[in-house]
Amino acid sequence: MTMPQAIRSAFARWRTFSGRAGGTEYWWFVLFGTIVFGLASLLDHAAFGRDALFWAICTLVFLMPYVAVAVRRLHDTNRSGWWLLLVFVPLVGNIVLLIWFCTPSTSGANRFGPMPVAISDEGVAA
């Protein structure tokens, strides 16, 4: 999956918390979000001297798609999406989640569905 496909998939499936998202889909979306938030921060600092308007807009736009793709990524490692609540455990929770997000996908189908299929350039499953 390419970066544009991952971004399109994450934003198109922002309400879908079922199924699985492969590592490439998750990490491409995280990279894109990091770049966008960095640019928003630069714009905010240039315009307002601190994080403000653009940062808030990015947060509103990216929050639900990120949560959905993170839950589907946890499903891909055969873990419940409820484990995402570890983000509220200081330091340790984020480290555990990072390790889990970096683990390979479970082979074949798991309790959350079949392995994610590759998306072709036309945006349909190959």
N, C-alpha and C. Protein backbone atom coordinates (compact mmCIF):
# COMPACT_ATOMS: atom_id res chain seq x y z
N MET A 1 0.85 -1.17 0.00
CA MET A 1 0.00 0.00 0.00
C MET A 1 0.90 1.24 0.00
N THR A 2 0.57 2.16 -0.85
CA THR A 2 1.34 3.40 -0.94
C THR A 2 0.81 4.42 0.08
N MET A 3 1.55 5.49 0.25
CA MET A 3 1.13 6.53 1.19
C MET A 3 -0.23 7.13 0.81
N PRO A 4 -0.43 7.54 -0.46
CA PRO A 4 -1.76 8.09 -0.81
C PRO A 4 -2.90 7.09 -0.58
N GLN A 5 -2.66 5.83 -0.85
CA GLN A 5 -3.69 4.81 -0.63
C GLN A 5 -4.00 4.68 0.86
N ALA A 6 -2.96 4.69 1.69
CA ALA A 6 -3.16 4.57 3.13
C ALA A 6 -3.93 5.76 3.68
N ILE A 7 -3.61 6.95 3.19
CA ILE A 7 -4.30 8.16 3.65
C ILE A 7 -5.76 8.11 3.22
N ARG A 8 -5.99 7.75 1.96
CA ARG A 8 -7.36 7.64 1.45
C ARG A 8 -8.15 6.61 2.25
N SER A 9 -7.53 5.46 2.51
CA SER A 9 -8.20 4.40 3.25
C SER A 9 -8.54 4.83 4.67
N ALA A 10 -7.60 5.47 5.34
CA ALA A 10 -7.84 5.89 6.73
C ALA A 10 -8.95 6.93 6.81
N PHE A 11 -8.95 7.89 5.90
CA PHE A 11 -10.00 8.91 5.95
C PHE A 11 -11.35 8.37 5.46
N ALA A 12 -11.33 7.45 4.52
CA ALA A 12 -12.59 6.87 4.02
C ALA A 12 -13.23 5.95 5.06
N ARG A 13 -12.40 5.30 5.88
CA ARG A 13 -12.92 4.34 6.86
C ARG A 13 -12.83 4.90 8.28
N TRP A 14 -13.03 6.19 8.45
CA TRP A 14 -12.85 6.83 9.74
C TRP A 14 -13.87 6.38 10.78
N ARG A 15 -14.97 5.81 10.36
CA ARG A 15 -15.99 5.31 11.30
C ARG A 15 -15.94 3.81 11.47
N THR A 16 -14.99 3.15 10.82
CA THR A 16 -14.93 1.69 10.84
C THR A 16 -13.92 1.22 11.87
N PHE A 17 -14.43 0.62 12.94
CA PHE A 17 -13.57 0.11 13.99
C PHE A 17 -13.48 -1.41 13.94
N SER A 18 -14.07 -2.00 12.94
CA SER A 18 -13.99 -3.45 12.77
C SER A 18 -13.03 -3.75 11.62
N GLY A 19 -12.57 -4.97 11.57
CA GLY A 19 -11.64 -5.35 10.53
C GLY A 19 -10.20 -5.10 10.94
N ARG A 20 -9.34 -5.13 9.96
CA ARG A 20 -7.90 -5.04 10.24
C ARG A 20 -7.25 -4.00 9.33
N ALA A 21 -6.18 -3.40 9.82
CA ALA A 21 -5.35 -2.48 9.04
C ALA A 21 -3.91 -2.96 9.15
N GLY A 22 -3.29 -3.17 8.03
CA GLY A 22 -1.91 -3.63 8.02
C GLY A 22 -0.95 -2.57 8.53
N GLY A 23 0.26 -3.00 8.80
CA GLY A 23 1.27 -2.09 9.31
C GLY A 23 1.58 -0.95 8.36
N THR A 24 1.60 -1.24 7.05
CA THR A 24 1.91 -0.17 6.10
C THR A 24 0.83 0.90 6.10
N GLU A 25 -0.42 0.49 6.16
CA GLU A 25 -1.51 1.47 6.20
C GLU A 25 -1.37 2.34 7.45
N TYR A 26 -1.14 1.73 8.59
CA TYR A 26 -1.04 2.47 9.84
C TYR A 26 0.15 3.44 9.82
N TRP A 27 1.33 2.93 9.46
CA TRP A 27 2.53 3.76 9.55
C TRP A 27 2.57 4.86 8.50
N TRP A 28 2.03 4.62 7.30
CA TRP A 28 1.96 5.70 6.31
C TRP A 28 1.04 6.81 6.81
N PHE A 29 -0.08 6.44 7.44
CA PHE A 29 -1.01 7.43 7.96
C PHE A 29 -0.38 8.21 9.11
N VAL A 30 0.36 7.53 9.98
CA VAL A 30 1.04 8.21 11.08
C VAL A 30 2.09 9.18 10.54
N LEU A 31 2.85 8.76 9.53
CA LEU A 31 3.85 9.65 8.94
C LEU A 31 3.19 10.89 8.33
N PHE A 32 2.10 10.69 7.60
CA PHE A 32 1.38 11.81 7.01
C PHE A 32 0.88 12.76 8.09
N GLY A 33 0.30 12.21 9.14
CA GLY A 33 -0.19 13.04 10.24
C GLY A 33 0.93 13.83 10.91
N THR A 34 2.08 13.20 11.07
CA THR A 34 3.22 13.87 11.68
C THR A 34 3.68 15.05 10.82
N ILE A 35 3.71 14.85 9.51
CA ILE A 35 4.11 15.92 8.60
C ILE A 35 3.09 17.07 8.64
N VAL A 36 1.81 16.72 8.59
CA VAL A 36 0.76 17.75 8.61
C VAL A 36 0.79 18.53 9.92
N PHE A 37 0.93 17.84 11.05
CA PHE A 37 0.97 18.53 12.33
C PHE A 37 2.23 19.39 12.45
N GLY A 38 3.34 18.95 11.88
CA GLY A 38 4.54 19.77 11.87
C GLY A 38 4.35 21.05 11.09
N LEU A 39 3.73 20.93 9.91
CA LEU A 39 3.44 22.12 9.11
C LEU A 39 2.44 23.04 9.80
N ALA A 40 1.44 22.46 10.44
CA ALA A 40 0.45 23.27 11.17
C ALA A 40 1.12 24.01 12.32
N SER A 41 2.04 23.36 12.98
CA SER A 41 2.76 24.00 14.08
C SER A 41 3.61 25.16 13.57
N LEU A 42 4.29 24.95 12.43
CA LEU A 42 5.08 26.03 11.85
C LEU A 42 4.20 27.21 11.46
N LEU A 43 3.06 26.94 10.84
CA LEU A 43 2.14 28.02 10.48
C LEU A 43 1.61 28.75 11.70
N ASP A 44 1.27 27.99 12.74
CA ASP A 44 0.77 28.61 13.96
C ASP A 44 1.82 29.50 14.60
N HIS A 45 3.06 29.01 14.66
CA HIS A 45 4.12 29.82 15.28
C HIS A 45 4.43 31.06 14.46
N ALA A 46 4.33 30.94 13.14
CA ALA A 46 4.57 32.11 12.29
C ALA A 46 3.44 33.13 12.42
N ALA A 47 2.21 32.63 12.54
CA ALA A 47 1.05 33.53 12.58
C ALA A 47 0.71 34.01 14.00
N PHE A 48 0.81 33.12 14.99
CA PHE A 48 0.33 33.44 16.33
C PHE A 48 1.40 33.39 17.42
N GLY A 49 2.58 32.85 17.09
CA GLY A 49 3.64 32.73 18.09
C GLY A 49 3.50 31.52 18.99
N ARG A 50 2.52 30.68 18.76
CA ARG A 50 2.31 29.45 19.55
C ARG A 50 1.35 28.55 18.78
N ASP A 51 1.21 27.29 19.25
CA ASP A 51 0.23 26.38 18.63
C ASP A 51 -1.16 26.91 18.90
N ALA A 52 -1.97 27.00 17.86
CA ALA A 52 -3.31 27.57 18.04
C ALA A 52 -4.27 27.03 17.01
N LEU A 53 -4.68 27.84 16.09
CA LEU A 53 -5.75 27.55 15.15
C LEU A 53 -5.47 26.35 14.26
N PHE A 54 -4.36 26.34 13.55
CA PHE A 54 -4.09 25.26 12.60
C PHE A 54 -3.90 23.93 13.32
N TRP A 55 -3.28 23.97 14.48
CA TRP A 55 -3.09 22.76 15.28
C TRP A 55 -4.45 22.20 15.71
N ALA A 56 -5.35 23.06 16.14
CA ALA A 56 -6.68 22.63 16.56
C ALA A 56 -7.47 22.04 15.40
N ILE A 57 -7.38 22.65 14.23
CA ILE A 57 -8.08 22.14 13.05
C ILE A 57 -7.54 20.75 12.69
N CYS A 58 -6.23 20.59 12.70
CA CYS A 58 -5.63 19.28 12.40
C CYS A 58 -6.08 18.23 13.41
N THR A 59 -6.16 18.62 14.67
CA THR A 59 -6.60 17.68 15.70
C THR A 59 -8.02 17.22 15.42
N LEU A 60 -8.90 18.13 15.07
CA LEU A 60 -10.28 17.76 14.76
C LEU A 60 -10.37 16.86 13.54
N VAL A 61 -9.55 17.13 12.53
CA VAL A 61 -9.59 16.36 11.29
C VAL A 61 -8.99 14.97 11.47
N PHE A 62 -7.93 14.85 12.25
CA PHE A 62 -7.18 13.60 12.33
C PHE A 62 -7.58 12.69 13.49
N LEU A 63 -8.28 13.19 14.49
CA LEU A 63 -8.53 12.39 15.69
C LEU A 63 -9.27 11.09 15.41
N MET A 64 -10.44 11.16 14.83
CA MET A 64 -11.23 9.94 14.61
C MET A 64 -10.59 8.99 13.59
N PRO A 65 -10.07 9.48 12.46
CA PRO A 65 -9.40 8.55 11.56
C PRO A 65 -8.21 7.85 12.22
N TYR A 66 -7.45 8.58 13.07
CA TYR A 66 -6.32 7.94 13.74
C TYR A 66 -6.79 6.87 14.71
N VAL A 67 -7.80 7.17 15.50
CA VAL A 67 -8.30 6.19 16.46
C VAL A 67 -8.79 4.95 15.72
N ALA A 68 -9.52 5.15 14.63
CA ALA A 68 -10.06 4.01 13.87
C ALA A 68 -8.94 3.16 13.28
N VAL A 69 -7.93 3.78 12.67
CA VAL A 69 -6.86 2.99 12.06
C VAL A 69 -6.00 2.33 13.15
N ALA A 70 -5.85 2.97 14.30
CA ALA A 70 -5.10 2.36 15.40
C ALA A 70 -5.83 1.14 15.95
N VAL A 71 -7.15 1.23 16.08
CA VAL A 71 -7.93 0.07 16.54
C VAL A 71 -7.82 -1.07 15.54
N ARG A 72 -7.95 -0.74 14.26
CA ARG A 72 -7.83 -1.80 13.24
C ARG A 72 -6.42 -2.39 13.22
N ARG A 73 -5.39 -1.58 13.52
CA ARG A 73 -4.02 -2.10 13.59
C ARG A 73 -3.88 -3.05 14.77
N LEU A 74 -4.48 -2.72 15.90
CA LEU A 74 -4.46 -3.64 17.04
C LEU A 74 -5.19 -4.93 16.68
N HIS A 75 -6.29 -4.83 15.96
CA HIS A 75 -6.98 -6.03 15.50
C HIS A 75 -6.08 -6.87 14.62
N ASP A 76 -5.25 -6.22 13.81
CA ASP A 76 -4.35 -6.94 12.91
C ASP A 76 -3.31 -7.74 13.68
N THR A 77 -3.00 -7.31 14.90
CA THR A 77 -2.06 -8.06 15.75
C THR A 77 -2.82 -8.98 16.71
N ASN A 78 -4.12 -9.19 16.44
CA ASN A 78 -5.00 -10.07 17.21
C ASN A 78 -5.21 -9.58 18.64
N ARG A 79 -5.32 -8.25 18.79
CA ARG A 79 -5.61 -7.65 20.10
C ARG A 79 -6.88 -6.81 19.98
N SER A 80 -7.59 -6.70 21.07
CA SER A 80 -8.80 -5.90 21.10
C SER A 80 -8.45 -4.42 20.95
N GLY A 81 -9.32 -3.68 20.31
CA GLY A 81 -9.13 -2.25 20.17
C GLY A 81 -9.18 -1.51 21.50
N TRP A 82 -9.77 -2.13 22.51
CA TRP A 82 -9.84 -1.51 23.83
C TRP A 82 -8.45 -1.29 24.42
N TRP A 83 -7.46 -2.04 23.94
CA TRP A 83 -6.09 -1.84 24.41
C TRP A 83 -5.58 -0.44 24.09
N LEU A 84 -6.21 0.25 23.15
CA LEU A 84 -5.79 1.61 22.82
C LEU A 84 -5.93 2.55 24.03
N LEU A 85 -6.76 2.16 24.99
CA LEU A 85 -6.90 2.97 26.21
C LEU A 85 -5.62 3.00 27.03
N LEU A 86 -4.65 2.16 26.71
CA LEU A 86 -3.35 2.21 27.38
C LEU A 86 -2.66 3.56 27.18
N VAL A 87 -3.11 4.31 26.20
CA VAL A 87 -2.53 5.63 25.96
C VAL A 87 -2.69 6.53 27.20
N PHE A 88 -3.64 6.23 28.05
CA PHE A 88 -3.87 7.02 29.26
C PHE A 88 -3.00 6.59 30.44
N VAL A 89 -2.22 5.51 30.28
CA VAL A 89 -1.26 5.09 31.30
C VAL A 89 0.05 5.80 31.00
N PRO A 90 0.49 6.68 31.88
CA PRO A 90 1.69 7.47 31.57
C PRO A 90 2.91 6.60 31.22
N LEU A 91 3.58 6.97 30.17
CA LEU A 91 4.83 6.41 29.67
C LEU A 91 4.72 4.93 29.28
N VAL A 92 4.40 4.07 30.24
CA VAL A 92 4.38 2.63 29.99
C VAL A 92 3.34 2.27 28.93
N GLY A 93 2.17 2.87 28.99
CA GLY A 93 1.12 2.56 28.03
C GLY A 93 1.54 2.87 26.61
N ASN A 94 2.16 4.01 26.40
CA ASN A 94 2.60 4.38 25.05
C ASN A 94 3.71 3.47 24.55
N ILE A 95 4.59 3.05 25.43
CA ILE A 95 5.66 2.13 25.03
C ILE A 95 5.09 0.79 24.62
N VAL A 96 4.16 0.28 25.39
CA VAL A 96 3.52 -1.01 25.06
C VAL A 96 2.80 -0.91 23.72
N LEU A 97 2.04 0.17 23.52
CA LEU A 97 1.33 0.35 22.25
C LEU A 97 2.30 0.45 21.08
N LEU A 98 3.39 1.18 21.25
CA LEU A 98 4.39 1.29 20.19
C LEU A 98 4.94 -0.08 19.81
N ILE A 99 5.24 -0.88 20.80
CA ILE A 99 5.75 -2.23 20.53
C ILE A 99 4.70 -3.04 19.77
N TRP A 100 3.46 -2.98 20.21
CA TRP A 100 2.40 -3.73 19.54
C TRP A 100 2.16 -3.24 18.11
N PHE A 101 2.22 -1.92 17.90
CA PHE A 101 2.04 -1.39 16.55
C PHE A 101 3.18 -1.83 15.63
N CYS A 102 4.35 -2.10 16.20
CA CYS A 102 5.50 -2.52 15.40
C CYS A 102 5.54 -4.02 15.15
N THR A 103 4.72 -4.79 15.86
CA THR A 103 4.75 -6.24 15.67
C THR A 103 4.12 -6.61 14.33
N PRO A 104 4.58 -7.72 13.75
CA PRO A 104 4.01 -8.15 12.47
C PRO A 104 2.54 -8.54 12.60
N SER A 105 1.86 -8.51 11.48
CA SER A 105 0.46 -8.94 11.43
C SER A 105 0.36 -10.43 11.71
N THR A 106 -0.78 -10.84 12.25
CA THR A 106 -1.01 -12.27 12.39
C THR A 106 -1.30 -12.85 11.01
N SER A 107 -0.73 -13.99 10.73
CA SER A 107 -0.91 -14.61 9.42
C SER A 107 -2.31 -15.18 9.30
N GLY A 108 -2.88 -15.03 8.13
CA GLY A 108 -4.20 -15.57 7.87
C GLY A 108 -5.28 -14.82 8.63
N ALA A 109 -6.44 -15.42 8.69
CA ALA A 109 -7.57 -14.80 9.38
C ALA A 109 -7.38 -14.91 10.89
N ASN A 110 -7.88 -13.93 11.61
CA ASN A 110 -7.93 -14.02 13.06
C ASN A 110 -9.35 -13.68 13.49
N ARG A 111 -9.57 -13.51 14.76
CA ARG A 111 -10.94 -13.29 15.25
C ARG A 111 -11.54 -11.97 14.78
N PHE A 112 -10.73 -11.09 14.19
CA PHE A 112 -11.22 -9.81 13.71
C PHE A 112 -11.43 -9.77 12.20
N GLY A 113 -11.13 -10.88 11.54
CA GLY A 113 -11.38 -10.93 10.11
C GLY A 113 -10.17 -11.42 9.33
N PRO A 114 -10.31 -11.45 8.02
CA PRO A 114 -9.19 -11.89 7.17
C PRO A 114 -8.09 -10.85 7.12
N MET A 115 -6.94 -11.26 6.62
CA MET A 115 -5.82 -10.33 6.47
C MET A 115 -6.24 -9.19 5.56
N PRO A 116 -5.73 -7.99 5.81
CA PRO A 116 -6.04 -6.87 4.92
C PRO A 116 -5.52 -7.16 3.51
N VAL A 117 -6.31 -6.80 2.52
CA VAL A 117 -5.90 -7.01 1.13
C VAL A 117 -5.24 -5.77 0.62
N ALA A 118 -4.40 -5.94 -0.39
CA ALA A 118 -3.73 -4.79 -1.01
C ALA A 118 -4.76 -3.98 -1.77
N ILE A 119 -4.58 -2.67 -1.78
CA ILE A 119 -5.46 -1.77 -2.51
C ILE A 119 -4.75 -1.36 -3.79
N SER A 120 -5.43 -1.51 -4.90
CA SER A 120 -4.82 -1.14 -6.18
C SER A 120 -4.82 0.38 -6.33
N ASP A 121 -4.21 0.87 -7.40
CA ASP A 121 -4.16 2.30 -7.66
C ASP A 121 -5.53 2.92 -7.88
N GLU A 122 -6.50 2.11 -8.30
CA GLU A 122 -7.85 2.61 -8.53
C GLU A 122 -8.65 2.66 -7.24
N GLY A 123 -8.08 2.19 -6.11
CA GLY A 123 -8.77 2.25 -4.83
C GLY A 123 -9.68 1.07 -4.57
N VAL A 124 -9.53 0.00 -5.34
CA VAL A 124 -10.34 -1.20 -5.12
C VAL A 124 -9.43 -2.33 -4.68
N ALA A 125 -10.00 -3.28 -3.95
CA ALA A 125 -9.21 -4.41 -3.47
C ALA A 125 -8.68 -5.22 -4.63
N ALA A 126 -7.42 -5.58 -4.55
CA ALA A 126 -6.80 -6.36 -5.62
C ALA A 126 -6.98 -7.84 -5.38
